[in-house]
Amino acid sequence: MATPEYRALPVAELERPRLELSGPKLARAFEILVSGSEEHGGVERYVAALRLKSSLFREALAGGAARDFSLPAFKALCAYIPTVRRRIGPYLDPQPSERLRLAVGALLEGREDTATADARIAAFCASFPEDRSHRWVRDLAAEILHNVDPERYPLMCRWVWDARTNTGVLREIWHAENVDQLVIDVPDRYGTFVMLREELAQYLAGNGVFRDVIHYVDLLAAQVYAGYISEQGGTYLRADFSSPEDPMVHVRRLLGLDGMDPRGRTRLKAADGEAFIVDDVNLLN
């Protein structure tokens, strides 16, 4: 059998929990993803948008720029992170805080060593207040790592898996009876997200997807959670998920592809609640 084009990097055996995933649930999500994207140019259009998003992160943050990023560039990146863009404003106006600059630099320093991934994410989160209003910090770290270095780092946002709240994509595709009453004893650490990506990549390979697998995995995961959002009436991130008529709207918003319109008006909010205006690209043009 052919294998996906990306090469999964090794993870220590103790970091690889067993995942019990439901094939029928994945099949249903993949079917909806393919059919729902047809009127928007097909799945490949979304794949191209995710490639562009990743390239923007690499251009702004890779190498020495991680500690010296420009304010307009970083604002543009935050516009593409749905759980961050309405909360990070106080750290960007009028300039990125020194705390933020140092935290981003430390997060990316030594990113080639994935054994330190969890420790670096924890240190990043510890650079900010550890309260409910700063839970977005974990998602910022996850999006930075994933988009700057997608081969090494799968998407690790809270909507993919949050062990503390027992919610996320993992729960929605878990194979078990009475899953609504089940506490899934799987940590939300790096190894779990690598395992989840490997499982989803294998499923996609079995359905003929061998190119752009990293981005297809993200789209499939987003579709899984989009189904949950629809079932819950859009209660998750209510301000961002308020127009369910389009079958792909929740997928776009989970992945941040709706972050900017052609006029440069973004969903990124300043400290006073006004939308930031930046000169950049609309990913789904």
C-alpha atoms as a PDB file:
ATOM      1  CA  MET A   1       0.000   0.000   0.000  1.00  0.00           C
ATOM      2  CA  ALA A   2       1.238   3.519  -0.760  1.00  0.00           C
ATOM      3  CA  THR A   3       1.988   5.710   2.214  1.00  0.00           C
ATOM      4  CA  PRO A   4       1.333   9.404   2.806  1.00  0.00           C
ATOM      5  CA  GLU A   5       4.022  11.716   1.493  1.00  0.00           C
ATOM      6  CA  TYR A   6       5.001  13.243   4.831  1.00  0.00           C
ATOM      7  CA  ARG A   7       7.391  11.386   7.117  1.00  0.00           C
ATOM      8  CA  ALA A   8       6.222  11.070  10.706  1.00  0.00           C
ATOM      9  CA  LEU A   9       9.077  11.883  13.071  1.00  0.00           C
ATOM     10  CA  PRO A  10       9.830   9.402  15.874  1.00  0.00           C
ATOM     11  CA  VAL A  11       8.262   9.892  19.285  1.00  0.00           C
ATOM     12  CA  ALA A  12       9.308   8.059  22.429  1.00  0.00           C
ATOM     13  CA  GLU A  13       7.280   4.892  22.983  1.00  0.00           C
ATOM     14  CA  LEU A  14       5.940   6.008  26.361  1.00  0.00           C
ATOM     15  CA  GLU A  15       4.480   9.107  24.722  1.00  0.00           C
ATOM     16  CA  ARG A  16       2.331   7.125  22.302  1.00  0.00           C
ATOM     17  CA  PRO A  17      -1.026   6.384  23.941  1.00  0.00           C
ATOM     18  CA  ARG A  18      -3.383   3.959  22.265  1.00  0.00           C
ATOM     19  CA  LEU A  19      -6.243   5.747  20.531  1.00  0.00           C
ATOM     20  CA  GLU A  20      -9.563   4.030  19.951  1.00  0.00           C
ATOM     21  CA  LEU A  21     -11.048   5.815  16.958  1.00  0.00           C
ATOM     22  CA  SER A  22     -14.315   5.169  15.153  1.00  0.00           C
ATOM     23  CA  GLY A  23     -14.025   4.389  11.451  1.00  0.00           C
ATOM     24  CA  PRO A  24     -17.687   5.183  10.698  1.00  0.00           C
ATOM     25  CA  LYS A  25     -17.432   8.580  12.387  1.00  0.00           C
ATOM     26  CA  LEU A  26     -14.348   9.418  10.343  1.00  0.00           C
ATOM     27  CA  ALA A  27     -16.037   8.234   7.164  1.00  0.00           C
ATOM     28  CA  ARG A  28     -19.013  10.469   7.804  1.00  0.00           C
ATOM     29  CA  ALA A  29     -16.823  13.507   8.499  1.00  0.00           C
ATOM     30  CA  PHE A  30     -14.729  12.905   5.367  1.00  0.00           C
ATOM     31  CA  GLU A  31     -17.853  12.557   3.242  1.00  0.00           C
ATOM     32  CA  ILE A  32     -19.241  15.854   4.558  1.00  0.00           C
ATOM     33  CA  LEU A  33     -15.878  17.580   4.052  1.00  0.00           C
ATOM     34  CA  VAL A  34     -15.666  16.557   0.415  1.00  0.00           C
ATOM     35  CA  SER A  35     -19.288  17.340  -0.440  1.00  0.00           C
ATOM     36  CA  GLY A  36     -19.424  20.563   1.555  1.00  0.00           C
ATOM     37  CA  SER A  37     -16.323  22.020  -0.080  1.00  0.00           C
ATOM     38  CA  GLU A  38     -17.484  21.393  -3.652  1.00  0.00           C
ATOM     39  CA  GLU A  39     -19.344  24.678  -4.036  1.00  0.00           C
ATOM     40  CA  HIS A  40     -16.254  26.548  -2.791  1.00  0.00           C
ATOM     41  CA  GLY A  41     -13.827  25.086  -5.308  1.00  0.00           C
ATOM     42  CA  GLY A  42     -13.224  21.712  -3.677  1.00  0.00           C
ATOM     43  CA  VAL A  43     -10.991  20.531  -0.861  1.00  0.00           C
ATOM     44  CA  GLU A  44      -7.874  21.553  -2.775  1.00  0.00           C
ATOM     45  CA  ARG A  45      -8.814  25.212  -2.408  1.00  0.00           C
ATOM     46  CA  TYR A  46      -8.809  24.803   1.361  1.00  0.00           C
ATOM     47  CA  VAL A  47      -5.540  22.893   1.216  1.00  0.00           C
ATOM     48  CA  ALA A  48      -3.977  25.760  -0.736  1.00  0.00           C
ATOM     49  CA  ALA A  49      -5.250  28.231   1.871  1.00  0.00           C
ATOM     50  CA  LEU A  50      -3.658  26.213   4.692  1.00  0.00           C
ATOM     51  CA  ARG A  51      -0.373  26.071   2.793  1.00  0.00           C
ATOM     52  CA  LEU A  52      -0.461  29.856   2.452  1.00  0.00           C
ATOM     53  CA  LYS A  53      -1.284  30.293   6.131  1.00  0.00           C
ATOM     54  CA  SER A  54       1.711  28.171   7.079  1.00  0.00           C
ATOM     55  CA  SER A  55       3.977  30.130   4.734  1.00  0.00           C
ATOM     56  CA  LEU A  56       2.914  33.399   6.388  1.00  0.00           C
ATOM     57  CA  PHE A  57       3.880  32.046   9.807  1.00  0.00           C
ATOM     58  CA  ARG A  58       7.246  30.782   8.567  1.00  0.00           C
ATOM     59  CA  GLU A  59       8.060  34.066   6.855  1.00  0.00           C
ATOM     60  CA  ALA A  60       7.204  36.080   9.975  1.00  0.00           C
ATOM     61  CA  LEU A  61       8.637  33.841  12.692  1.00  0.00           C
ATOM     62  CA  ALA A  62      11.185  31.349  11.366  1.00  0.00           C
ATOM     63  CA  GLY A  63      14.834  31.895  12.169  1.00  0.00           C
ATOM     64  CA  GLY A  64      15.980  35.003  13.998  1.00  0.00           C
ATOM     65  CA  ALA A  65      12.677  36.782  13.357  1.00  0.00           C
ATOM     66  CA  ALA A  66      11.049  34.865  16.199  1.00  0.00           C
ATOM     67  CA  ARG A  67      12.288  37.374  18.782  1.00  0.00           C
ATOM     68  CA  ASP A  68      12.046  40.415  16.530  1.00  0.00           C
ATOM     69  CA  PHE A  69       8.828  40.027  14.563  1.00  0.00           C
ATOM     70  CA  SER A  70       7.119  43.080  13.112  1.00  0.00           C
ATOM     71  CA  LEU A  71       3.853  44.244  14.629  1.00  0.00           C
ATOM     72  CA  PRO A  72       1.811  44.205  11.361  1.00  0.00           C
ATOM     73  CA  ALA A  73       3.051  40.715  10.519  1.00  0.00           C
ATOM     74  CA  PHE A  74       2.210  39.300  13.942  1.00  0.00           C
ATOM     75  CA  LYS A  75      -1.216  40.941  13.941  1.00  0.00           C
ATOM     76  CA  ALA A  76      -1.908  39.286  10.598  1.00  0.00           C
ATOM     77  CA  LEU A  77      -0.947  35.897  12.031  1.00  0.00           C
ATOM     78  CA  CYS A  78      -3.224  36.321  15.043  1.00  0.00           C
ATOM     79  CA  ALA A  79      -6.145  37.139  12.756  1.00  0.00           C
ATOM     80  CA  TYR A  80      -5.939  33.526  11.521  1.00  0.00           C
ATOM     81  CA  ILE A  81      -6.248  31.978  15.018  1.00  0.00           C
ATOM     82  CA  PRO A  82      -9.926  32.020  16.040  1.00  0.00           C
ATOM     83  CA  THR A  83      -9.511  31.422  19.770  1.00  0.00           C
ATOM     84  CA  VAL A  84      -6.765  34.054  20.015  1.00  0.00           C
ATOM     85  CA  ARG A  85      -7.800  36.960  17.821  1.00  0.00           C
ATOM     86  CA  ARG A  86     -10.488  38.377  20.136  1.00  0.00           C
ATOM     87  CA  ARG A  87      -8.354  38.158  23.287  1.00  0.00           C
ATOM     88  CA  ILE A  88      -4.757  39.009  22.475  1.00  0.00           C
ATOM     89  CA  GLY A  89      -5.360  42.700  21.696  1.00  0.00           C
ATOM     90  CA  PRO A  90      -3.918  44.074  24.972  1.00  0.00           C
ATOM     91  CA  TYR A  91      -0.593  42.390  24.185  1.00  0.00           C
ATOM     92  CA  LEU A  92      -0.346  43.950  20.708  1.00  0.00           C
ATOM     93  CA  ASP A  93      -1.338  47.568  21.188  1.00  0.00           C
ATOM     94  CA  PRO A  94       0.533  49.780  20.577  1.00  0.00           C
ATOM     95  CA  GLN A  95       3.461  47.318  20.285  1.00  0.00           C
ATOM     96  CA  PRO A  96       3.888  43.604  21.072  1.00  0.00           C
ATOM     97  CA  SER A  97       4.780  43.338  24.740  1.00  0.00           C
ATOM     98  CA  GLU A  98       8.299  42.270  25.616  1.00  0.00           C
ATOM     99  CA  ARG A  99       6.775  39.307  27.428  1.00  0.00           C
ATOM    100  CA  LEU A 100       5.155  38.154  24.200  1.00  0.00           C
ATOM    101  CA  ARG A 101       8.327  38.588  22.147  1.00  0.00           C
ATOM    102  CA  LEU A 102      10.444  36.617  24.600  1.00  0.00           C
ATOM    103  CA  ALA A 103       7.826  33.875  24.935  1.00  0.00           C
ATOM    104  CA  VAL A 104       7.551  33.375  21.165  1.00  0.00           C
ATOM    105  CA  GLY A 105      11.326  33.270  20.799  1.00  0.00           C
ATOM    106  CA  ALA A 106      11.724  30.696  23.573  1.00  0.00           C
ATOM    107  CA  LEU A 107       8.896  28.573  22.165  1.00  0.00           C
ATOM    108  CA  LEU A 108      10.606  28.283  18.778  1.00  0.00           C
ATOM    109  CA  GLU A 109      14.160  28.007  20.043  1.00  0.00           C
ATOM    110  CA  GLY A 110      15.321  24.419  19.656  1.00  0.00           C
ATOM    111  CA  ARG A 111      12.116  23.358  17.941  1.00  0.00           C
ATOM    112  CA  GLU A 112      14.055  20.614  16.140  1.00  0.00           C
ATOM    113  CA  ASP A 113      14.065  18.708  19.460  1.00  0.00           C
ATOM    114  CA  THR A 114      10.458  17.565  19.789  1.00  0.00           C
ATOM    115  CA  ALA A 115      11.265  15.919  23.132  1.00  0.00           C
ATOM    116  CA  THR A 116      11.096  19.418  24.635  1.00  0.00           C
ATOM    117  CA  ALA A 117       7.784  20.325  22.973  1.00  0.00           C
ATOM    118  CA  ASP A 118       5.588  19.938  26.061  1.00  0.00           C
ATOM    119  CA  ALA A 119       8.073  21.766  28.276  1.00  0.00           C
ATOM    120  CA  ARG A 120       8.349  24.692  25.852  1.00  0.00           C
ATOM    121  CA  ILE A 121       4.572  24.954  25.516  1.00  0.00           C
ATOM    122  CA  ALA A 122       4.229  24.895  29.313  1.00  0.00           C
ATOM    123  CA  ALA A 123       6.864  27.623  29.658  1.00  0.00           C
ATOM    124  CA  PHE A 124       5.093  29.711  27.021  1.00  0.00           C
ATOM    125  CA  CYS A 125       1.802  29.433  28.898  1.00  0.00           C
ATOM    126  CA  ALA A 126       3.531  30.246  32.205  1.00  0.00           C
ATOM    127  CA  SER A 127       4.673  33.561  30.721  1.00  0.00           C
ATOM    128  CA  PHE A 128       1.080  34.786  30.951  1.00  0.00           C
ATOM    129  CA  PRO A 129      -1.484  34.810  33.770  1.00  0.00           C
ATOM    130  CA  GLU A 130      -2.788  31.282  34.333  1.00  0.00           C
ATOM    131  CA  ASP A 131      -6.492  32.038  34.520  1.00  0.00           C
ATOM    132  CA  ARG A 132      -9.571  31.297  32.465  1.00  0.00           C
ATOM    133  CA  SER A 133      -9.268  34.486  30.428  1.00  0.00           C
ATOM    134  CA  HIS A 134      -5.837  33.404  29.185  1.00  0.00           C
ATOM    135  CA  ARG A 135      -6.655  29.875  28.018  1.00  0.00           C
ATOM    136  CA  TRP A 136      -6.110  31.170  24.470  1.00  0.00           C
ATOM    137  CA  VAL A 137      -2.364  31.257  25.172  1.00  0.00           C
ATOM    138  CA  ARG A 138      -2.135  27.470  24.709  1.00  0.00           C
ATOM    139  CA  ASP A 139      -3.763  27.784  21.284  1.00  0.00           C
ATOM    140  CA  LEU A 140      -1.365  30.553  20.277  1.00  0.00           C
ATOM    141  CA  ALA A 141       1.591  28.322  21.119  1.00  0.00           C
ATOM    142  CA  ALA A 142       0.037  25.396  19.256  1.00  0.00           C
ATOM    143  CA  GLU A 143      -0.676  27.408  16.116  1.00  0.00           C
ATOM    144  CA  ILE A 144       2.798  28.963  16.055  1.00  0.00           C
ATOM    145  CA  LEU A 145       4.552  25.600  16.295  1.00  0.00           C
ATOM    146  CA  HIS A 146       2.257  23.896  13.787  1.00  0.00           C
ATOM    147  CA  ASN A 147       2.399  26.585  11.145  1.00  0.00           C
ATOM    148  CA  VAL A 148       6.103  27.354  11.443  1.00  0.00           C
ATOM    149  CA  ASP A 149       7.110  23.676  11.466  1.00  0.00           C
ATOM    150  CA  PRO A 150       4.143  21.545  10.331  1.00  0.00           C
ATOM    151  CA  GLU A 151       6.197  18.413   9.666  1.00  0.00           C
ATOM    152  CA  ARG A 152       7.258  18.170  13.287  1.00  0.00           C
ATOM    153  CA  TYR A 153       4.252  19.633  15.041  1.00  0.00           C
ATOM    154  CA  PRO A 154       0.653  18.526  14.464  1.00  0.00           C
ATOM    155  CA  LEU A 155      -2.160  20.907  15.298  1.00  0.00           C
ATOM    156  CA  MET A 156      -2.451  20.834  19.107  1.00  0.00           C
ATOM    157  CA  CYS A 157      -5.191  23.373  19.820  1.00  0.00           C
ATOM    158  CA  ARG A 158      -7.702  22.817  22.611  1.00  0.00           C
ATOM    159  CA  TRP A 159     -10.464  22.069  20.121  1.00  0.00           C
ATOM    160  CA  VAL A 160      -8.402  19.112  18.892  1.00  0.00           C
ATOM    161  CA  TRP A 161      -8.086  17.704  22.414  1.00  0.00           C
ATOM    162  CA  ASP A 162      -8.393  19.255  25.864  1.00  0.00           C
ATOM    163  CA  ALA A 163      -7.910  16.612  28.540  1.00  0.00           C
ATOM    164  CA  ARG A 164      -8.940  18.977  31.346  1.00  0.00           C
ATOM    165  CA  THR A 165     -12.417  19.494  29.899  1.00  0.00           C
ATOM    166  CA  ASN A 166     -12.603  16.104  28.127  1.00  0.00           C
ATOM    167  CA  THR A 167     -13.562  17.824  24.874  1.00  0.00           C
ATOM    168  CA  GLY A 168     -12.284  18.033  21.331  1.00  0.00           C
ATOM    169  CA  VAL A 169     -11.909  16.116  18.104  1.00  0.00           C
ATOM    170  CA  LEU A 170     -10.551  13.081  19.921  1.00  0.00           C
ATOM    171  CA  ARG A 171     -13.737  12.705  21.931  1.00  0.00           C
ATOM    172  CA  GLU A 172     -15.970  13.145  18.876  1.00  0.00           C
ATOM    173  CA  ILE A 173     -14.333  10.225  17.043  1.00  0.00           C
ATOM    174  CA  TRP A 174     -13.638   8.015  20.071  1.00  0.00           C
ATOM    175  CA  HIS A 175     -14.943   4.467  19.656  1.00  0.00           C
ATOM    176  CA  ALA A 176     -16.861   3.518  22.793  1.00  0.00           C
ATOM    177  CA  GLU A 177     -20.352   3.042  24.079  1.00  0.00           C
ATOM    178  CA  ASN A 178     -21.831   5.941  26.014  1.00  0.00           C
ATOM    179  CA  VAL A 179     -18.917   8.179  25.059  1.00  0.00           C
ATOM    180  CA  ASP A 180     -20.823  11.179  26.432  1.00  0.00           C
ATOM    181  CA  GLN A 181     -20.408   9.747  29.934  1.00  0.00           C
ATOM    182  CA  LEU A 182     -16.829   8.579  29.395  1.00  0.00           C
ATOM    183  CA  VAL A 183     -13.725  10.360  30.653  1.00  0.00           C
ATOM    184  CA  ILE A 184     -11.040   9.629  28.070  1.00  0.00           C
ATOM    185  CA  ASP A 185      -7.812   8.968  29.945  1.00  0.00           C
ATOM    186  CA  VAL A 186      -5.460  10.348  27.307  1.00  0.00           C
ATOM    187  CA  PRO A 187      -3.145  13.314  28.022  1.00  0.00           C
ATOM    188  CA  ASP A 188      -3.110  16.389  25.806  1.00  0.00           C
ATOM    189  CA  ARG A 189       0.632  16.169  25.258  1.00  0.00           C
ATOM    190  CA  TYR A 190       2.712  16.184  22.107  1.00  0.00           C
ATOM    191  CA  GLY A 191       2.792  12.415  21.673  1.00  0.00           C
ATOM    192  CA  THR A 192      -1.006  12.172  21.705  1.00  0.00           C
ATOM    193  CA  PHE A 193      -1.367  14.712  18.922  1.00  0.00           C
ATOM    194  CA  VAL A 194       1.292  12.938  16.860  1.00  0.00           C
ATOM    195  CA  MET A 195      -0.578   9.666  17.287  1.00  0.00           C
ATOM    196  CA  LEU A 196      -3.862  11.300  16.297  1.00  0.00           C
ATOM    197  CA  ARG A 197      -2.306  12.741  13.154  1.00  0.00           C
ATOM    198  CA  GLU A 198      -0.824   9.363  12.254  1.00  0.00           C
ATOM    199  CA  GLU A 199      -4.201   7.665  12.685  1.00  0.00           C
ATOM    200  CA  LEU A 200      -5.989  10.273  10.567  1.00  0.00           C
ATOM    201  CA  ALA A 201      -3.260  10.143   7.932  1.00  0.00           C
ATOM    202  CA  GLN A 202      -3.633   6.361   7.696  1.00  0.00           C
ATOM    203  CA  TYR A 203      -7.377   6.744   7.295  1.00  0.00           C
ATOM    204  CA  LEU A 204      -6.879   9.306   4.516  1.00  0.00           C
ATOM    205  CA  ALA A 205      -4.344   7.069   2.768  1.00  0.00           C
ATOM    206  CA  GLY A 206      -6.939   4.307   2.777  1.00  0.00           C
ATOM    207  CA  ASN A 207      -9.218   6.727   0.969  1.00  0.00           C
ATOM    208  CA  GLY A 208      -6.703   7.730  -1.689  1.00  0.00           C
ATOM    209  CA  VAL A 209      -5.149  10.856  -0.132  1.00  0.00           C
ATOM    210  CA  PHE A 210      -1.364  10.808  -0.473  1.00  0.00           C
ATOM    211  CA  ARG A 211      -0.476  14.473  -1.108  1.00  0.00           C
ATOM    212  CA  ASP A 212      -0.759  17.434   1.256  1.00  0.00           C
ATOM    213  CA  VAL A 213      -1.632  14.942   3.983  1.00  0.00           C
ATOM    214  CA  ILE A 214      -0.766  17.335   6.815  1.00  0.00           C
ATOM    215  CA  HIS A 215      -3.327  19.833   5.575  1.00  0.00           C
ATOM    216  CA  TYR A 216      -5.927  17.182   4.816  1.00  0.00           C
ATOM    217  CA  VAL A 217      -5.571  15.945   8.402  1.00  0.00           C
ATOM    218  CA  ASP A 218      -6.260  19.446   9.702  1.00  0.00           C
ATOM    219  CA  LEU A 219      -9.310  19.767   7.465  1.00  0.00           C
ATOM    220  CA  LEU A 220     -10.668  16.393   8.516  1.00  0.00           C
ATOM    221  CA  ALA A 221     -10.148  17.215  12.188  1.00  0.00           C
ATOM    222  CA  ALA A 222     -11.873  20.559  11.738  1.00  0.00           C
ATOM    223  CA  GLN A 223     -14.797  18.871  10.008  1.00  0.00           C
ATOM    224  CA  VAL A 224     -15.153  16.444  12.905  1.00  0.00           C
ATOM    225  CA  TYR A 225     -15.372  19.285  15.400  1.00  0.00           C
ATOM    226  CA  ALA A 226     -17.524  21.379  13.084  1.00  0.00           C
ATOM    227  CA  GLY A 227     -20.085  18.595  13.333  1.00  0.00           C
ATOM    228  CA  TYR A 228     -20.034  18.903  17.102  1.00  0.00           C
ATOM    229  CA  ILE A 229     -20.447  22.683  16.914  1.00  0.00           C
ATOM    230  CA  SER A 230     -23.436  22.308  14.616  1.00  0.00           C
ATOM    231  CA  GLU A 231     -25.041  19.788  16.956  1.00  0.00           C
ATOM    232  CA  GLN A 232     -24.547  22.148  19.888  1.00  0.00           C
ATOM    233  CA  GLY A 233     -26.096  25.061  18.026  1.00  0.00           C
ATOM    234  CA  GLY A 234     -22.835  26.971  17.685  1.00  0.00           C
ATOM    235  CA  THR A 235     -22.313  27.488  21.416  1.00  0.00           C
ATOM    236  CA  TYR A 236     -18.530  26.988  21.188  1.00  0.00           C
ATOM    237  CA  LEU A 237     -16.892  30.346  20.494  1.00  0.00           C
ATOM    238  CA  ARG A 238     -20.352  31.836  20.046  1.00  0.00           C
ATOM    239  CA  ALA A 239     -19.059  35.171  18.755  1.00  0.00           C
ATOM    240  CA  ASP A 240     -17.095  33.490  15.978  1.00  0.00           C
ATOM    241  CA  PHE A 241     -19.539  30.753  15.000  1.00  0.00           C
ATOM    242  CA  SER A 242     -22.816  32.488  14.330  1.00  0.00           C
ATOM    243  CA  SER A 243     -23.682  31.777  10.671  1.00  0.00           C
ATOM    244  CA  PRO A 244     -24.215  28.031  10.210  1.00  0.00           C
ATOM    245  CA  GLU A 245     -25.958  28.193   6.817  1.00  0.00           C
ATOM    246  CA  ASP A 246     -22.758  27.457   4.893  1.00  0.00           C
ATOM    247  CA  PRO A 247     -21.720  23.802   5.542  1.00  0.00           C
ATOM    248  CA  MET A 248     -18.052  24.816   5.609  1.00  0.00           C
ATOM    249  CA  VAL A 249     -18.348  27.885   7.818  1.00  0.00           C
ATOM    250  CA  HIS A 250     -17.243  26.146  11.019  1.00  0.00           C
ATOM    251  CA  VAL A 251     -14.323  24.438   9.270  1.00  0.00           C
ATOM    252  CA  ARG A 252     -13.085  27.782   7.951  1.00  0.00           C
ATOM    253  CA  ARG A 253     -13.420  29.432  11.326  1.00  0.00           C
ATOM    254  CA  LEU A 254     -11.788  26.648  13.324  1.00  0.00           C
ATOM    255  CA  LEU A 255      -8.779  26.828  11.004  1.00  0.00           C
ATOM    256  CA  GLY A 256      -8.792  30.629  10.938  1.00  0.00           C
ATOM    257  CA  LEU A 257      -9.310  30.872   7.192  1.00  0.00           C
ATOM    258  CA  ASP A 258     -11.928  33.582   7.662  1.00  0.00           C
ATOM    259  CA  GLY A 259      -9.486  35.868   9.468  1.00  0.00           C
ATOM    260  CA  MET A 260      -9.467  38.668   6.921  1.00  0.00           C
ATOM    261  CA  ASP A 261     -11.675  40.082   4.203  1.00  0.00           C
ATOM    262  CA  PRO A 262     -10.415  41.532   0.884  1.00  0.00           C
ATOM    263  CA  ARG A 263     -10.431  45.053   2.364  1.00  0.00           C
ATOM    264  CA  GLY A 264      -7.940  44.093   5.069  1.00  0.00           C
ATOM    265  CA  ARG A 265     -10.468  44.206   7.906  1.00  0.00           C
ATOM    266  CA  THR A 266      -9.722  41.380  10.310  1.00  0.00           C
ATOM    267  CA  ARG A 267     -11.447  39.517  13.120  1.00  0.00           C
ATOM    268  CA  LEU A 268      -8.506  40.453  15.341  1.00  0.00           C
ATOM    269  CA  LYS A 269      -9.727  42.798  18.053  1.00  0.00           C
ATOM    270  CA  ALA A 270      -7.769  45.622  19.655  1.00  0.00           C
ATOM    271  CA  ALA A 271      -7.973  46.246  23.372  1.00  0.00           C
ATOM    272  CA  ASP A 272     -10.881  48.666  22.803  1.00  0.00           C
ATOM    273  CA  GLY A 273     -12.798  46.068  20.800  1.00  0.00           C
ATOM    274  CA  GLU A 274     -12.202  47.658  17.400  1.00  0.00           C
ATOM    275  CA  ALA A 275     -11.081  45.473  14.506  1.00  0.00           C
ATOM    276  CA  PHE A 276      -7.461  45.787  13.411  1.00  0.00           C
ATOM    277  CA  ILE A 277      -6.849  46.729   9.770  1.00  0.00           C
ATOM    278  CA  VAL A 278      -3.772  45.130   8.242  1.00  0.00           C
ATOM    279  CA  ASP A 279      -2.321  44.991   4.755  1.00  0.00           C
ATOM    280  CA  ASP A 280      -2.147  41.306   3.943  1.00  0.00           C
ATOM    281  CA  VAL A 281      -3.818  38.544   1.964  1.00  0.00           C
ATOM    282  CA  ASN A 282      -7.187  36.861   2.171  1.00  0.00           C
ATOM    283  CA  LEU A 283      -6.379  33.156   2.322  1.00  0.00           C
ATOM    284  CA  LEU A 284      -9.478  32.094   0.411  1.00  0.00           C
ATOM    285  CA  ASN A 285      -9.321  34.679  -2.384  1.00  0.00           C
END
